[in-house]
Amino acid sequence: MGNLTSAKINKTYIIENISELTSLKIKRRLLELGFTKGQKIKLLRKSLLGKAYLIEIRGYTLTLKKQIATFIEIK
């Protein structure tokens, strides 16, 4: 489908992959946070300027910057 920045609010998606364009440091951190292939992810809201995304994954809520959200590929 695309990446997390193209997701719609209050819809659940499945993580397809983490982009190969990301640095190893960011990719490792995302994997530690639970962003693994096949995991369900829900976009709760976007900031007013679209620079931050509030998401729910594995039962907890966190915020990602837009630059990092572009690396998460969803379907």
Protein backbone atom coordinates (compact mmCIF):
# COMPACT_ATOMS: atom_id res chain seq x y z
CA MET A 1 0.00 0.00 0.00
CA GLY A 2 2.56 2.56 1.06
CA ASN A 3 4.12 3.94 4.18
CA LEU A 4 2.66 5.10 7.48
CA THR A 5 2.34 8.70 6.30
CA SER A 6 -0.33 7.66 3.80
CA ALA A 7 -2.45 5.90 6.45
CA LYS A 8 -5.90 7.08 7.49
CA ILE A 9 -6.82 7.94 11.06
CA ASN A 10 -8.47 5.20 13.23
CA LYS A 11 -7.71 2.42 10.74
CA THR A 12 -5.65 -0.66 11.53
CA TYR A 13 -2.86 -1.74 9.20
CA ILE A 14 -0.26 -4.50 9.12
CA ILE A 15 3.45 -3.73 8.97
CA GLU A 16 4.89 -5.10 5.77
CA ASN A 17 8.52 -4.07 6.21
CA ILE A 18 10.91 -1.39 7.41
CA SER A 19 12.44 0.42 4.46
CA GLU A 20 15.99 -0.38 3.42
CA LEU A 21 16.68 3.36 3.10
CA THR A 22 16.74 3.86 6.87
CA SER A 23 19.94 3.82 8.88
CA LEU A 24 20.84 0.73 10.87
CA LYS A 25 20.50 2.67 14.14
CA ILE A 26 16.88 3.71 13.43
CA LYS A 27 15.94 0.29 12.06
CA ARG A 28 17.29 -1.43 15.18
CA ARG A 29 15.38 0.96 17.44
CA LEU A 30 12.13 0.40 15.56
CA LEU A 31 12.56 -3.36 15.88
CA GLU A 32 13.18 -2.97 19.63
CA LEU A 33 9.93 -1.02 19.91
CA GLY A 34 8.02 -3.88 18.27
CA PHE A 35 7.76 -2.76 14.64
CA THR A 36 8.11 -6.25 13.21
CA LYS A 37 6.67 -7.70 10.02
CA GLY A 38 3.04 -8.78 10.41
CA GLN A 39 2.38 -6.65 13.50
CA LYS A 40 -0.87 -4.66 13.63
CA ILE A 41 -0.53 -0.88 13.87
CA LYS A 42 -3.25 1.75 14.26
CA LEU A 43 -2.92 5.45 13.44
CA LEU A 44 -4.73 7.38 16.19
CA ARG A 45 -4.06 10.96 15.07
CA LYS A 46 -1.74 13.30 13.21
CA SER A 47 -0.41 16.61 14.47
CA LEU A 48 -1.82 19.82 13.01
CA LEU A 49 1.14 20.36 10.73
CA GLY A 50 1.51 16.64 9.97
CA LYS A 51 4.98 16.41 11.51
CA ALA A 52 4.10 13.82 14.19
CA TYR A 53 1.97 10.68 14.24
CA LEU A 54 0.32 9.15 17.31
CA ILE A 55 0.11 5.37 16.84
CA GLU A 56 -0.88 2.30 18.81
CA ILE A 57 1.17 -0.88 18.52
CA ARG A 58 1.31 -3.95 20.77
CA GLY A 59 -1.04 -2.35 23.29
CA TYR A 60 0.92 0.86 23.87
CA THR A 61 0.79 4.32 22.36
CA LEU A 62 3.72 6.30 21.02
CA THR A 63 4.53 9.24 18.78
CA LEU A 64 6.75 9.13 15.71
CA LYS A 65 8.20 11.96 13.66
CA LYS A 66 7.15 12.11 10.03
CA GLN A 67 10.74 11.39 8.90
CA ILE A 68 10.71 8.08 10.77
CA ALA A 69 7.11 7.20 9.84
CA THR A 70 8.08 7.26 6.16
CA PHE A 71 10.33 4.23 6.75
CA ILE A 72 7.46 1.99 7.98
CA GLU A 73 5.79 0.23 5.05
CA ILE A 74 2.22 -0.93 5.66
CA LYS A 75 -0.48 -2.90 3.84
